[in-house]
Amino acid sequence: MKNVINNLYKLFPSELYTIDNGFRFFVKDYEYLFLLYNGDVNNLNILADVSNRLYYKKIYVNTFVPTFLGNLFAEVDGENYVLLRINSSLRDYYNLSDVSKFNYSLSSYSYNLNIKPWYLAWNDKVDLLENTISDLNKEYPLLQEIFPYYVGMAENAISYCKDVFLKKDKLLITINHNRVGVDNTFLYLYNPLTFTFDYDVRDIAEYIKNKFIFHSLDFNEVEELLNNYKFSRSSLMLLFARLMYPSYFFDLCKLILEEEKDEGILDKVVLKAEEYEDFLNDVYFLIRKYYDVPKIDWLIRKFS
């Protein structure tokens, strides 16, 4: 692999260090990552452009290094690799404010963005998992016991989200990530291979959910966010819909069903279920301070 880097990039590292999905090395005080890339190579021009624009705004995300022929990827043994230069030494954990600042750091795009309404993707995910769970016998008893509850949560989220899109309001699109909150370091936040364009509150909702379920969330963070950013009514409805949608649960389902993880990884989710309902109720009334938004009857009635 060192010969590939020498020949294609004209960089001559003295040593390569193996990491999970590629290699790490240093040249002239810069750190580089040579990483396996499984995505669509046609998206690399957009990712490179976004990274460069952020970098010139002094947001020191990782930037792409092209080959000496100007290509953004290198094919090695039938697989595609990209070379990234690390521009920030930040290894700290980011918070909700960091996430939101990053999301809104670029204000305009010249790309052809066609973002699928969330409720369509969520509906497909639920249908697929329901079919999979129905085929199980006595495997994964805990998963089968709690699955209907989270399907109910998802159906509420789908209905709430669908209402937003049917109104055909103009929705704000920003830079987001594949799954903020799972890895809470700036190494993830500044990695362009995790970037995606989506409706503005995607990252915010995913961060809040994962921080609440798997760590500890200070509600003041959420209050400060809503006070500091002028979210539209549609954005706050999408935020509430995405907070209801149990992506954290479905992510764990995938690990159990596809990677044969022990279903004990669901324990923390189960323990936090009732507390999370309380949290959703608090978020609903917080949003009501700004806009009159539809209520979820079963959730609000519980606290009446």
C-alpha atoms as a PDB file:
ATOM      1  CA  MET A   1       0.000   0.000   0.000  1.00  0.00           C
ATOM      2  CA  LYS A   2       2.934   2.317   0.610  1.00  0.00           C
ATOM      3  CA  ASN A   3       3.859   2.026  -3.076  1.00  0.00           C
ATOM      4  CA  VAL A   4       0.324   3.100  -4.054  1.00  0.00           C
ATOM      5  CA  ILE A   5       0.599   6.218  -1.893  1.00  0.00           C
ATOM      6  CA  ASN A   6       4.084   6.963  -3.182  1.00  0.00           C
ATOM      7  CA  ASN A   7       3.165   6.520  -6.841  1.00  0.00           C
ATOM      8  CA  LEU A   8      -0.341   8.032  -6.963  1.00  0.00           C
ATOM      9  CA  TYR A   9      -0.007  10.855  -4.441  1.00  0.00           C
ATOM     10  CA  LYS A  10       3.741  11.536  -4.525  1.00  0.00           C
ATOM     11  CA  LEU A  11       3.792  11.343  -0.755  1.00  0.00           C
ATOM     12  CA  PHE A  12       6.472   9.232   0.842  1.00  0.00           C
ATOM     13  CA  PRO A  13       5.534   8.214   4.384  1.00  0.00           C
ATOM     14  CA  SER A  14       8.165   6.398   6.387  1.00  0.00           C
ATOM     15  CA  GLU A  15       5.554   4.154   7.994  1.00  0.00           C
ATOM     16  CA  LEU A  16       1.887   3.206   7.623  1.00  0.00           C
ATOM     17  CA  TYR A  17      -0.306   2.406  10.618  1.00  0.00           C
ATOM     18  CA  THR A  18      -3.258   0.064  10.086  1.00  0.00           C
ATOM     19  CA  ILE A  19      -6.645   1.365  11.298  1.00  0.00           C
ATOM     20  CA  ASP A  20     -10.178  -0.061  11.049  1.00  0.00           C
ATOM     21  CA  ASN A  21     -10.909   0.805   7.423  1.00  0.00           C
ATOM     22  CA  GLY A  22      -7.546   1.811   6.004  1.00  0.00           C
ATOM     23  CA  PHE A  23      -4.223   3.329   6.948  1.00  0.00           C
ATOM     24  CA  ARG A  24      -2.845   6.326   8.830  1.00  0.00           C
ATOM     25  CA  PHE A  25       0.465   8.059   8.215  1.00  0.00           C
ATOM     26  CA  PHE A  26       2.372  11.319   8.700  1.00  0.00           C
ATOM     27  CA  VAL A  27       4.241  13.487   6.202  1.00  0.00           C
ATOM     28  CA  LYS A  28       5.758  16.913   6.996  1.00  0.00           C
ATOM     29  CA  ASP A  29       3.796  17.406  10.234  1.00  0.00           C
ATOM     30  CA  TYR A  30       0.475  16.527   8.577  1.00  0.00           C
ATOM     31  CA  GLU A  31      -1.585  13.485   9.452  1.00  0.00           C
ATOM     32  CA  TYR A  32      -3.272  11.579   6.608  1.00  0.00           C
ATOM     33  CA  LEU A  33      -5.886   8.846   6.403  1.00  0.00           C
ATOM     34  CA  PHE A  34      -6.048   6.493   3.415  1.00  0.00           C
ATOM     35  CA  LEU A  35      -9.528   5.037   3.764  1.00  0.00           C
ATOM     36  CA  LEU A  36     -11.692   2.460   2.050  1.00  0.00           C
ATOM     37  CA  TYR A  37     -14.640   4.199   0.385  1.00  0.00           C
ATOM     38  CA  ASN A  38     -17.814   2.183  -0.265  1.00  0.00           C
ATOM     39  CA  GLY A  39     -19.990   5.089  -1.366  1.00  0.00           C
ATOM     40  CA  ASP A  40     -20.833   6.412  -4.817  1.00  0.00           C
ATOM     41  CA  VAL A  41     -17.653   7.937  -6.280  1.00  0.00           C
ATOM     42  CA  ASN A  42     -19.849  10.431  -8.158  1.00  0.00           C
ATOM     43  CA  ASN A  43     -20.553  12.089  -4.785  1.00  0.00           C
ATOM     44  CA  LEU A  44     -16.894  12.746  -4.057  1.00  0.00           C
ATOM     45  CA  ASN A  45     -16.786  16.025  -6.014  1.00  0.00           C
ATOM     46  CA  ILE A  46     -19.558  17.437  -3.813  1.00  0.00           C
ATOM     47  CA  LEU A  47     -17.910  16.197  -0.605  1.00  0.00           C
ATOM     48  CA  ALA A  48     -14.569  17.653  -1.663  1.00  0.00           C
ATOM     49  CA  ASP A  49     -16.135  20.993  -2.551  1.00  0.00           C
ATOM     50  CA  VAL A  50     -18.017  21.177   0.756  1.00  0.00           C
ATOM     51  CA  SER A  51     -14.870  20.284   2.685  1.00  0.00           C
ATOM     52  CA  ASN A  52     -12.826  22.936   0.922  1.00  0.00           C
ATOM     53  CA  ARG A  53     -15.486  25.605   1.472  1.00  0.00           C
ATOM     54  CA  LEU A  54     -15.653  24.788   5.168  1.00  0.00           C
ATOM     55  CA  TYR A  55     -11.870  24.813   5.446  1.00  0.00           C
ATOM     56  CA  TYR A  56     -11.645  28.279   3.885  1.00  0.00           C
ATOM     57  CA  LYS A  57     -14.226  29.452   6.428  1.00  0.00           C
ATOM     58  CA  LYS A  58     -11.735  28.307   9.093  1.00  0.00           C
ATOM     59  CA  ILE A  59     -13.749  25.237  10.024  1.00  0.00           C
ATOM     60  CA  TYR A  60     -10.893  22.798   9.833  1.00  0.00           C
ATOM     61  CA  VAL A  61     -12.579  19.661   8.569  1.00  0.00           C
ATOM     62  CA  ASN A  62     -10.600  16.915   6.879  1.00  0.00           C
ATOM     63  CA  THR A  63      -9.946  17.707   3.212  1.00  0.00           C
ATOM     64  CA  PHE A  64      -9.501  15.421   0.215  1.00  0.00           C
ATOM     65  CA  VAL A  65      -6.117  14.978  -1.387  1.00  0.00           C
ATOM     66  CA  PRO A  66      -6.373  14.122  -5.106  1.00  0.00           C
ATOM     67  CA  THR A  67      -3.957  11.834  -6.902  1.00  0.00           C
ATOM     68  CA  PHE A  68      -1.292  13.466  -9.049  1.00  0.00           C
ATOM     69  CA  LEU A  69      -3.688  12.910 -11.977  1.00  0.00           C
ATOM     70  CA  GLY A  70      -6.447  14.848 -10.170  1.00  0.00           C
ATOM     71  CA  ASN A  71      -8.655  11.901  -9.184  1.00  0.00           C
ATOM     72  CA  LEU A  72     -10.402  11.944  -5.812  1.00  0.00           C
ATOM     73  CA  PHE A  73     -10.179   8.188  -5.360  1.00  0.00           C
ATOM     74  CA  ALA A  74      -7.704   5.431  -6.072  1.00  0.00           C
ATOM     75  CA  GLU A  75      -8.683   1.912  -7.082  1.00  0.00           C
ATOM     76  CA  VAL A  76      -6.631  -0.725  -5.282  1.00  0.00           C
ATOM     77  CA  ASP A  77      -7.308  -4.431  -5.854  1.00  0.00           C
ATOM     78  CA  GLY A  78     -10.828  -3.663  -7.066  1.00  0.00           C
ATOM     79  CA  GLU A  79     -11.710  -1.400  -4.126  1.00  0.00           C
ATOM     80  CA  ASN A  80     -11.849   2.384  -3.926  1.00  0.00           C
ATOM     81  CA  TYR A  81      -9.781   4.414  -1.465  1.00  0.00           C
ATOM     82  CA  VAL A  82      -9.694   8.134  -0.680  1.00  0.00           C
ATOM     83  CA  LEU A  83      -6.917  10.145   0.932  1.00  0.00           C
ATOM     84  CA  LEU A  84      -7.849  12.713   3.584  1.00  0.00           C
ATOM     85  CA  ARG A  85      -5.617  15.267   5.261  1.00  0.00           C
ATOM     86  CA  ILE A  86      -6.405  15.877   8.931  1.00  0.00           C
ATOM     87  CA  ASN A  87      -6.563  19.625   9.549  1.00  0.00           C
ATOM     88  CA  SER A  88      -7.644  19.749  13.182  1.00  0.00           C
ATOM     89  CA  SER A  89      -6.074  18.248  16.264  1.00  0.00           C
ATOM     90  CA  LEU A  90      -9.422  18.342  18.097  1.00  0.00           C
ATOM     91  CA  ARG A  91     -10.107  15.037  19.803  1.00  0.00           C
ATOM     92  CA  ASP A  92     -12.670  16.479  22.230  1.00  0.00           C
ATOM     93  CA  TYR A  93     -16.353  15.608  22.452  1.00  0.00           C
ATOM     94  CA  TYR A  94     -18.753  17.977  20.721  1.00  0.00           C
ATOM     95  CA  ASN A  95     -21.995  19.227  22.266  1.00  0.00           C
ATOM     96  CA  LEU A  96     -25.387  20.191  20.867  1.00  0.00           C
ATOM     97  CA  SER A  97     -24.275  23.771  20.231  1.00  0.00           C
ATOM     98  CA  ASP A  98     -21.276  22.527  18.220  1.00  0.00           C
ATOM     99  CA  VAL A  99     -23.567  20.338  16.125  1.00  0.00           C
ATOM    100  CA  SER A 100     -26.011  23.130  15.310  1.00  0.00           C
ATOM    101  CA  LYS A 101     -23.235  25.614  14.473  1.00  0.00           C
ATOM    102  CA  PHE A 102     -21.729  23.093  12.086  1.00  0.00           C
ATOM    103  CA  ASN A 103     -25.096  22.331  10.450  1.00  0.00           C
ATOM    104  CA  TYR A 104     -25.637  25.982   9.524  1.00  0.00           C
ATOM    105  CA  SER A 105     -22.020  26.772   8.626  1.00  0.00           C
ATOM    106  CA  LEU A 106     -22.682  26.904   4.872  1.00  0.00           C
ATOM    107  CA  SER A 107     -25.617  28.996   3.750  1.00  0.00           C
ATOM    108  CA  SER A 108     -25.998  28.137   0.063  1.00  0.00           C
ATOM    109  CA  TYR A 109     -25.397  25.216  -2.275  1.00  0.00           C
ATOM    110  CA  SER A 110     -25.136  24.927  -6.030  1.00  0.00           C
ATOM    111  CA  TYR A 111     -25.667  21.163  -5.996  1.00  0.00           C
ATOM    112  CA  ASN A 112     -28.684  19.302  -7.296  1.00  0.00           C
ATOM    113  CA  LEU A 113     -30.179  18.129  -4.009  1.00  0.00           C
ATOM    114  CA  ASN A 114     -33.220  15.878  -4.006  1.00  0.00           C
ATOM    115  CA  ILE A 115     -33.916  14.901  -0.406  1.00  0.00           C
ATOM    116  CA  LYS A 116     -36.457  12.142   0.160  1.00  0.00           C
ATOM    117  CA  PRO A 117     -39.194  12.905   2.718  1.00  0.00           C
ATOM    118  CA  TRP A 118     -38.303  11.153   5.963  1.00  0.00           C
ATOM    119  CA  TYR A 119     -41.639   9.448   6.454  1.00  0.00           C
ATOM    120  CA  LEU A 120     -41.182   7.423   3.259  1.00  0.00           C
ATOM    121  CA  ALA A 121     -37.831   6.016   4.365  1.00  0.00           C
ATOM    122  CA  TRP A 122     -39.140   5.404   7.887  1.00  0.00           C
ATOM    123  CA  ASN A 123     -42.173   3.549   6.590  1.00  0.00           C
ATOM    124  CA  ASP A 124     -39.957   1.290   4.450  1.00  0.00           C
ATOM    125  CA  LYS A 125     -37.697   0.591   7.437  1.00  0.00           C
ATOM    126  CA  VAL A 126     -40.616  -0.381   9.675  1.00  0.00           C
ATOM    127  CA  ASP A 127     -42.154  -2.650   7.013  1.00  0.00           C
ATOM    128  CA  LEU A 128     -38.834  -4.416   6.471  1.00  0.00           C
ATOM    129  CA  LEU A 129     -38.237  -4.974  10.179  1.00  0.00           C
ATOM    130  CA  GLU A 130     -41.817  -6.126  10.799  1.00  0.00           C
ATOM    131  CA  ASN A 131     -41.406  -8.776   8.110  1.00  0.00           C
ATOM    132  CA  THR A 132     -38.090  -9.872   9.585  1.00  0.00           C
ATOM    133  CA  ILE A 133     -39.409 -10.060  13.149  1.00  0.00           C
ATOM    134  CA  SER A 134     -42.496 -12.002  12.074  1.00  0.00           C
ATOM    135  CA  ASP A 135     -40.240 -14.734  10.661  1.00  0.00           C
ATOM    136  CA  LEU A 136     -38.493 -15.303  13.986  1.00  0.00           C
ATOM    137  CA  ASN A 137     -39.533 -18.204  16.194  1.00  0.00           C
ATOM    138  CA  LYS A 138     -38.381 -18.068  19.808  1.00  0.00           C
ATOM    139  CA  GLU A 139     -35.204 -16.220  18.972  1.00  0.00           C
ATOM    140  CA  TYR A 140     -34.556 -12.876  20.638  1.00  0.00           C
ATOM    141  CA  PRO A 141     -37.490 -12.892  23.102  1.00  0.00           C
ATOM    142  CA  LEU A 142     -36.698  -9.408  24.473  1.00  0.00           C
ATOM    143  CA  LEU A 143     -36.559  -7.917  20.991  1.00  0.00           C
ATOM    144  CA  GLN A 144     -39.879  -9.501  20.049  1.00  0.00           C
ATOM    145  CA  GLU A 145     -41.508  -8.367  23.297  1.00  0.00           C
ATOM    146  CA  ILE A 146     -40.638  -4.673  22.974  1.00  0.00           C
ATOM    147  CA  PHE A 147     -40.747  -4.395  19.172  1.00  0.00           C
ATOM    148  CA  PRO A 148     -44.480  -3.466  18.939  1.00  0.00           C
ATOM    149  CA  TYR A 149     -43.952  -0.534  21.318  1.00  0.00           C
ATOM    150  CA  TYR A 150     -41.261   0.986  19.106  1.00  0.00           C
ATOM    151  CA  VAL A 151     -43.283   0.337  15.953  1.00  0.00           C
ATOM    152  CA  GLY A 152     -46.046   2.360  17.602  1.00  0.00           C
ATOM    153  CA  MET A 153     -43.579   5.180  18.302  1.00  0.00           C
ATOM    154  CA  ALA A 154     -42.410   5.051  14.691  1.00  0.00           C
ATOM    155  CA  GLU A 155     -45.970   5.166  13.348  1.00  0.00           C
ATOM    156  CA  ASN A 156     -46.668   8.290  15.412  1.00  0.00           C
ATOM    157  CA  ALA A 157     -43.470   9.855  14.050  1.00  0.00           C
ATOM    158  CA  ILE A 158     -44.388   8.935  10.477  1.00  0.00           C
ATOM    159  CA  SER A 159     -47.836  10.501  10.797  1.00  0.00           C
ATOM    160  CA  TYR A 160     -46.446  13.672  12.396  1.00  0.00           C
ATOM    161  CA  CYS A 161     -43.711  13.971   9.779  1.00  0.00           C
ATOM    162  CA  LYS A 162     -46.119  13.356   6.902  1.00  0.00           C
ATOM    163  CA  ASP A 163     -48.239  16.317   8.024  1.00  0.00           C
ATOM    164  CA  VAL A 164     -45.234  18.599   7.580  1.00  0.00           C
ATOM    165  CA  PHE A 165     -44.498  17.480   4.037  1.00  0.00           C
ATOM    166  CA  LEU A 166     -48.128  17.576   2.945  1.00  0.00           C
ATOM    167  CA  LYS A 167     -48.220  21.290   3.772  1.00  0.00           C
ATOM    168  CA  LYS A 168     -45.506  21.760   1.103  1.00  0.00           C
ATOM    169  CA  ASP A 169     -43.738  24.436   3.140  1.00  0.00           C
ATOM    170  CA  LYS A 170     -40.221  25.341   2.058  1.00  0.00           C
ATOM    171  CA  LEU A 171     -37.913  23.261   4.254  1.00  0.00           C
ATOM    172  CA  LEU A 172     -34.346  24.233   5.069  1.00  0.00           C
ATOM    173  CA  ILE A 173     -31.573  21.882   3.947  1.00  0.00           C
ATOM    174  CA  THR A 174     -28.198  21.938   5.710  1.00  0.00           C
ATOM    175  CA  ILE A 175     -25.062  19.836   6.101  1.00  0.00           C
ATOM    176  CA  ASN A 176     -25.726  16.852   8.354  1.00  0.00           C
ATOM    177  CA  HIS A 177     -24.078  13.514   9.105  1.00  0.00           C
ATOM    178  CA  ASN A 178     -24.908   9.844   8.709  1.00  0.00           C
ATOM    179  CA  ARG A 179     -25.520   9.377  12.419  1.00  0.00           C
ATOM    180  CA  VAL A 180     -24.457  12.105  14.829  1.00  0.00           C
ATOM    181  CA  GLY A 181     -24.375  11.057  18.471  1.00  0.00           C
ATOM    182  CA  VAL A 182     -23.070   7.526  17.967  1.00  0.00           C
ATOM    183  CA  ASP A 183     -19.499   8.828  17.809  1.00  0.00           C
ATOM    184  CA  ASN A 184     -19.357  12.058  19.792  1.00  0.00           C
ATOM    185  CA  THR A 185     -15.873  13.289  18.875  1.00  0.00           C
ATOM    186  CA  PHE A 186     -14.852  16.060  16.493  1.00  0.00           C
ATOM    187  CA  LEU A 187     -13.005  13.398  14.497  1.00  0.00           C
ATOM    188  CA  TYR A 188     -16.453  12.231  13.386  1.00  0.00           C
ATOM    189  CA  LEU A 189     -18.007  15.677  13.062  1.00  0.00           C
ATOM    190  CA  TYR A 190     -15.158  16.874  10.816  1.00  0.00           C
ATOM    191  CA  ASN A 191     -14.961  13.732   8.670  1.00  0.00           C
ATOM    192  CA  PRO A 192     -16.425  14.492   5.198  1.00  0.00           C
ATOM    193  CA  LEU A 193     -17.102  10.794   4.586  1.00  0.00           C
ATOM    194  CA  THR A 194     -19.882  11.114   7.165  1.00  0.00           C
ATOM    195  CA  PHE A 195     -21.446  14.245   5.591  1.00  0.00           C
ATOM    196  CA  THR A 196     -24.885  14.228   4.049  1.00  0.00           C
ATOM    197  CA  PHE A 197     -27.374  16.915   3.059  1.00  0.00           C
ATOM    198  CA  ASP A 198     -30.709  16.713   4.813  1.00  0.00           C
ATOM    199  CA  TYR A 199     -33.409  18.769   6.498  1.00  0.00           C
ATOM    200  CA  ASP A 200     -31.870  21.056   9.076  1.00  0.00           C
ATOM    201  CA  VAL A 201     -32.821  19.286  12.302  1.00  0.00           C
ATOM    202  CA  ARG A 202     -31.616  15.769  11.435  1.00  0.00           C
ATOM    203  CA  ASP A 203     -28.313  15.985  13.321  1.00  0.00           C
ATOM    204  CA  ILE A 204     -29.849  17.883  16.200  1.00  0.00           C
ATOM    205  CA  ALA A 205     -32.518  15.224  16.776  1.00  0.00           C
ATOM    206  CA  GLU A 206     -30.102  12.310  16.434  1.00  0.00           C
ATOM    207  CA  TYR A 207     -27.670  13.905  18.867  1.00  0.00           C
ATOM    208  CA  ILE A 208     -30.423  14.524  21.427  1.00  0.00           C
ATOM    209  CA  LYS A 209     -31.794  10.972  21.168  1.00  0.00           C
ATOM    210  CA  ASN A 210     -28.452   9.223  21.443  1.00  0.00           C
ATOM    211  CA  LYS A 211     -27.224  11.485  24.231  1.00  0.00           C
ATOM    212  CA  PHE A 212     -30.436  10.925  26.210  1.00  0.00           C
ATOM    213  CA  ILE A 213     -30.656   7.149  25.724  1.00  0.00           C
ATOM    214  CA  PHE A 214     -27.015   6.124  25.988  1.00  0.00           C
ATOM    215  CA  HIS A 215     -25.443   8.901  28.052  1.00  0.00           C
ATOM    216  CA  SER A 216     -26.943  11.837  29.927  1.00  0.00           C
ATOM    217  CA  LEU A 217     -28.601  14.906  28.437  1.00  0.00           C
ATOM    218  CA  ASP A 218     -29.056  18.242  30.172  1.00  0.00           C
ATOM    219  CA  PHE A 219     -32.456  19.623  29.123  1.00  0.00           C
ATOM    220  CA  ASN A 220     -30.976  23.115  29.367  1.00  0.00           C
ATOM    221  CA  GLU A 221     -29.013  22.304  26.199  1.00  0.00           C
ATOM    222  CA  VAL A 222     -32.268  21.835  24.307  1.00  0.00           C
ATOM    223  CA  GLU A 223     -33.827  24.976  25.771  1.00  0.00           C
ATOM    224  CA  GLU A 224     -30.768  27.070  24.873  1.00  0.00           C
ATOM    225  CA  LEU A 225     -30.781  25.711  21.343  1.00  0.00           C
ATOM    226  CA  LEU A 226     -34.408  26.683  20.731  1.00  0.00           C
ATOM    227  CA  ASN A 227     -33.787  30.097  22.276  1.00  0.00           C
ATOM    228  CA  ASN A 228     -30.689  30.805  20.185  1.00  0.00           C
ATOM    229  CA  TYR A 229     -31.893  29.602  16.776  1.00  0.00           C
ATOM    230  CA  LYS A 230     -34.988  30.900  15.032  1.00  0.00           C
ATOM    231  CA  PHE A 231     -36.418  27.592  13.887  1.00  0.00           C
ATOM    232  CA  SER A 232     -39.478  27.637  11.671  1.00  0.00           C
ATOM    233  CA  ARG A 233     -42.656  25.882  12.744  1.00  0.00           C
ATOM    234  CA  SER A 234     -42.029  23.164  10.141  1.00  0.00           C
ATOM    235  CA  SER A 235     -38.492  22.591  11.387  1.00  0.00           C
ATOM    236  CA  LEU A 236     -39.676  22.195  14.967  1.00  0.00           C
ATOM    237  CA  MET A 237     -42.372  19.771  13.871  1.00  0.00           C
ATOM    238  CA  LEU A 238     -39.734  17.764  12.014  1.00  0.00           C
ATOM    239  CA  LEU A 239     -37.543  17.890  15.110  1.00  0.00           C
ATOM    240  CA  PHE A 240     -40.343  16.492  17.259  1.00  0.00           C
ATOM    241  CA  ALA A 241     -41.164  13.828  14.655  1.00  0.00           C
ATOM    242  CA  ARG A 242     -37.548  12.704  14.479  1.00  0.00           C
ATOM    243  CA  LEU A 243     -37.251  12.646  18.268  1.00  0.00           C
ATOM    244  CA  MET A 244     -40.255  10.293  18.324  1.00  0.00           C
ATOM    245  CA  TYR A 245     -38.811   8.071  15.616  1.00  0.00           C
ATOM    246  CA  PRO A 246     -36.744   5.424  17.479  1.00  0.00           C
ATOM    247  CA  SER A 247     -33.744   5.239  15.175  1.00  0.00           C
ATOM    248  CA  TYR A 248     -31.577   4.252  18.163  1.00  0.00           C
ATOM    249  CA  PHE A 249     -33.735   1.141  18.635  1.00  0.00           C
ATOM    250  CA  PHE A 250     -33.788   0.212  14.955  1.00  0.00           C
ATOM    251  CA  ASP A 251     -29.998   0.641  14.747  1.00  0.00           C
ATOM    252  CA  LEU A 252     -29.644  -1.902  17.559  1.00  0.00           C
ATOM    253  CA  CYS A 253     -32.145  -4.232  15.842  1.00  0.00           C
ATOM    254  CA  LYS A 254     -29.868  -4.237  12.818  1.00  0.00           C
ATOM    255  CA  LEU A 255     -26.848  -5.140  14.950  1.00  0.00           C
ATOM    256  CA  ILE A 256     -28.771  -8.013  16.568  1.00  0.00           C
ATOM    257  CA  LEU A 257     -30.342  -9.409  13.406  1.00  0.00           C
ATOM    258  CA  GLU A 258     -27.486  -8.871  10.945  1.00  0.00           C
ATOM    259  CA  GLU A 259     -24.350  -8.959  13.091  1.00  0.00           C
ATOM    260  CA  GLU A 260     -25.640 -11.388  15.740  1.00  0.00           C
ATOM    261  CA  LYS A 261     -25.016  -9.049  18.664  1.00  0.00           C
ATOM    262  CA  ASP A 262     -26.484 -10.144  21.993  1.00  0.00           C
ATOM    263  CA  GLU A 263     -29.937  -8.653  22.580  1.00  0.00           C
ATOM    264  CA  GLY A 264     -28.660  -7.436  25.927  1.00  0.00           C
ATOM    265  CA  ILE A 265     -27.583  -4.296  24.056  1.00  0.00           C
ATOM    266  CA  LEU A 266     -31.272  -3.318  24.275  1.00  0.00           C
ATOM    267  CA  ASP A 267     -31.236  -3.153  28.076  1.00  0.00           C
ATOM    268  CA  LYS A 268     -30.371   0.535  28.286  1.00  0.00           C
ATOM    269  CA  VAL A 269     -33.080   1.401  25.746  1.00  0.00           C
ATOM    270  CA  VAL A 270     -35.696  -0.496  27.761  1.00  0.00           C
ATOM    271  CA  LEU A 271     -34.642   1.164  31.013  1.00  0.00           C
ATOM    272  CA  LYS A 272     -34.927   4.627  29.485  1.00  0.00           C
ATOM    273  CA  ALA A 273     -38.268   4.101  27.687  1.00  0.00           C
ATOM    274  CA  GLU A 274     -40.587   5.683  30.247  1.00  0.00           C
ATOM    275  CA  GLU A 275     -38.131   8.458  31.045  1.00  0.00           C
ATOM    276  CA  TYR A 276     -37.888   9.212  27.332  1.00  0.00           C
ATOM    277  CA  GLU A 277     -41.675   9.601  27.136  1.00  0.00           C
ATOM    278  CA  ASP A 278     -41.397  12.192  29.909  1.00  0.00           C
ATOM    279  CA  PHE A 279     -38.686  13.923  27.918  1.00  0.00           C
ATOM    280  CA  LEU A 280     -40.813  14.014  24.742  1.00  0.00           C
ATOM    281  CA  ASN A 281     -43.633  15.578  26.714  1.00  0.00           C
ATOM    282  CA  ASP A 282     -41.245  18.281  27.989  1.00  0.00           C
ATOM    283  CA  VAL A 283     -39.982  18.947  24.460  1.00  0.00           C
ATOM    284  CA  TYR A 284     -43.535  19.232  23.154  1.00  0.00           C
ATOM    285  CA  PHE A 285     -44.426  21.932  25.679  1.00  0.00           C
ATOM    286  CA  LEU A 286     -41.136  23.696  25.021  1.00  0.00           C
ATOM    287  CA  ILE A 287     -41.956  23.848  21.308  1.00  0.00           C
ATOM    288  CA  ARG A 288     -45.461  25.105  22.155  1.00  0.00           C
ATOM    289  CA  LYS A 289     -43.817  28.228  23.602  1.00  0.00           C
ATOM    290  CA  TYR A 290     -42.865  29.154  20.029  1.00  0.00           C
ATOM    291  CA  TYR A 291     -45.589  27.674  17.819  1.00  0.00           C
ATOM    292  CA  ASP A 292     -48.952  25.987  18.085  1.00  0.00           C
ATOM    293  CA  VAL A 293     -48.090  22.470  16.899  1.00  0.00           C
ATOM    294  CA  PRO A 294     -50.250  19.324  16.848  1.00  0.00           C
ATOM    295  CA  LYS A 295     -50.157  17.200  19.981  1.00  0.00           C
ATOM    296  CA  ILE A 296     -49.736  13.452  20.284  1.00  0.00           C
ATOM    297  CA  ASP A 297     -52.838  12.491  22.256  1.00  0.00           C
ATOM    298  CA  TRP A 298     -51.525   9.389  24.033  1.00  0.00           C
ATOM    299  CA  LEU A 299     -48.356  11.168  25.109  1.00  0.00           C
ATOM    300  CA  ILE A 300     -49.959  14.363  26.337  1.00  0.00           C
ATOM    301  CA  ARG A 301     -52.913  12.557  27.951  1.00  0.00           C
ATOM    302  CA  LYS A 302     -50.466  10.534  30.026  1.00  0.00           C
ATOM    303  CA  PHE A 303     -49.341  13.707  31.792  1.00  0.00           C
ATOM    304  CA  SER A 304     -52.724  15.453  31.994  1.00  0.00           C
END
